[in-house]
Amino acid sequence: MISLVTDIISYCCIGLGVVFWFWGTVPLLGDRSVLFKLHSLSVSDTLGSMSIIVGLLLKIPREWPLLILALISLMIWNTVLGYVLAYCSSGGERND
């Protein structure tokens, strides 16, 4: 019974991650600015990837060290990438 509930939650997390991936792709077709498109894509991609990794963590718990490392890497990498994009779009100007 516990295995069935874990499988259902795992598949829901993986499905939610795929939905986030596609949800972030939709704004690319709009008429908004490139930075808005990149921001929405990176946020939804991060949430989707993290949700998929949590689903995999529930599905194959023996691989938890690798999956936790992947979660931490996603959080750090996408945060740093967001700051780099914001800095590059501002033209390097300092706002003191």
Protein backbone atom coordinates (compact mmCIF):
# COMPACT_ATOMS: atom_id res chain seq x y z
CA MET A 1 0.00 0.00 0.00
CA ILE A 2 2.81 2.42 0.89
CA SER A 3 4.59 1.56 -2.36
CA LEU A 4 1.46 2.35 -4.36
CA VAL A 5 1.06 5.75 -2.68
CA THR A 6 4.76 6.52 -3.24
CA ASP A 7 4.46 5.57 -6.91
CA ILE A 8 1.41 7.80 -7.36
CA ILE A 9 3.12 10.78 -5.69
CA SER A 10 6.27 10.11 -7.73
CA TYR A 11 4.39 10.06 -11.03
CA CYS A 12 2.46 13.20 -10.03
CA CYS A 13 5.73 15.04 -9.35
CA ILE A 14 7.17 13.92 -12.68
CA GLY A 15 3.97 14.91 -14.50
CA LEU A 16 3.95 18.29 -12.77
CA GLY A 17 7.54 18.81 -13.88
CA VAL A 18 6.66 18.14 -17.50
CA VAL A 19 3.72 20.56 -17.23
CA PHE A 20 6.06 23.25 -15.89
CA TRP A 21 8.43 22.65 -18.80
CA PHE A 22 5.69 23.20 -21.37
CA TRP A 23 4.16 26.07 -19.40
CA GLY A 24 7.47 27.94 -19.57
CA THR A 25 7.73 27.39 -23.30
CA VAL A 26 4.41 29.09 -24.10
CA PRO A 27 5.60 32.68 -23.34
CA LEU A 28 8.33 32.28 -25.97
CA LEU A 29 5.62 32.70 -28.60
CA GLY A 30 4.39 36.03 -27.19
CA ASP A 31 5.30 39.62 -28.00
CA ARG A 32 6.97 40.41 -24.66
CA SER A 33 10.61 41.37 -24.22
CA VAL A 34 13.39 38.85 -24.53
CA LEU A 35 14.25 39.22 -20.84
CA PHE A 36 10.68 38.43 -19.79
CA LYS A 37 10.74 35.36 -22.00
CA LEU A 38 14.08 34.20 -20.58
CA HIS A 39 12.93 34.78 -17.03
CA SER A 40 9.69 32.83 -17.40
CA LEU A 41 11.49 30.03 -19.22
CA SER A 42 14.26 29.72 -16.63
CA VAL A 43 11.89 29.79 -13.64
CA SER A 44 9.52 27.20 -15.06
CA ASP A 45 12.38 25.05 -16.28
CA THR A 46 13.96 25.11 -12.82
CA LEU A 47 10.70 24.24 -11.07
CA GLY A 48 9.95 21.51 -13.61
CA SER A 49 13.39 19.96 -13.34
CA MET A 50 13.32 20.07 -9.56
CA SER A 51 9.88 18.46 -9.50
CA ILE A 52 11.07 15.68 -11.78
CA ILE A 53 14.12 15.08 -9.59
CA VAL A 54 11.90 14.89 -6.47
CA GLY A 55 9.72 12.36 -8.31
CA LEU A 56 12.80 10.32 -9.17
CA LEU A 57 13.98 10.58 -5.58
CA LEU A 58 10.72 8.99 -4.46
CA LYS A 59 10.92 6.36 -7.19
CA ILE A 60 14.58 5.33 -6.70
CA PRO A 61 15.62 6.33 -3.17
CA ARG A 62 18.90 4.39 -3.34
CA GLU A 63 20.25 7.15 -5.62
CA TRP A 64 19.52 9.96 -3.15
CA PRO A 65 23.09 11.36 -2.96
CA LEU A 66 23.22 11.93 -6.71
CA LEU A 67 19.68 13.31 -6.88
CA ILE A 68 20.25 15.69 -3.93
CA LEU A 69 23.41 16.91 -5.66
CA ALA A 70 21.37 17.50 -8.81
CA LEU A 71 18.78 19.50 -6.83
CA ILE A 72 21.43 21.68 -5.21
CA SER A 73 23.19 22.21 -8.55
CA LEU A 74 19.94 23.27 -10.20
CA MET A 75 19.19 25.78 -7.45
CA ILE A 76 22.67 27.33 -7.54
CA TRP A 77 23.19 27.26 -11.30
CA ASN A 78 19.84 28.79 -12.23
CA THR A 79 20.10 31.50 -9.57
CA VAL A 80 23.57 32.50 -10.77
CA LEU A 81 22.42 32.41 -14.38
CA GLY A 82 19.52 34.73 -13.54
CA TYR A 83 21.89 37.23 -11.94
CA VAL A 84 24.26 37.06 -14.91
CA LEU A 85 21.41 37.69 -17.35
CA ALA A 86 20.17 40.63 -15.27
CA TYR A 87 23.67 42.11 -15.06
CA CYS A 88 24.26 41.72 -18.78
CA SER A 89 20.93 43.27 -19.66
CA SER A 90 21.64 46.32 -17.48
CA GLY A 91 24.76 47.10 -19.51
CA GLY A 92 27.04 46.79 -16.50
CA GLU A 93 25.79 50.04 -14.94
CA ARG A 94 26.03 50.31 -11.18
CA ASN A 95 23.05 51.64 -9.30
CA ASP A 96 24.48 52.92 -6.00
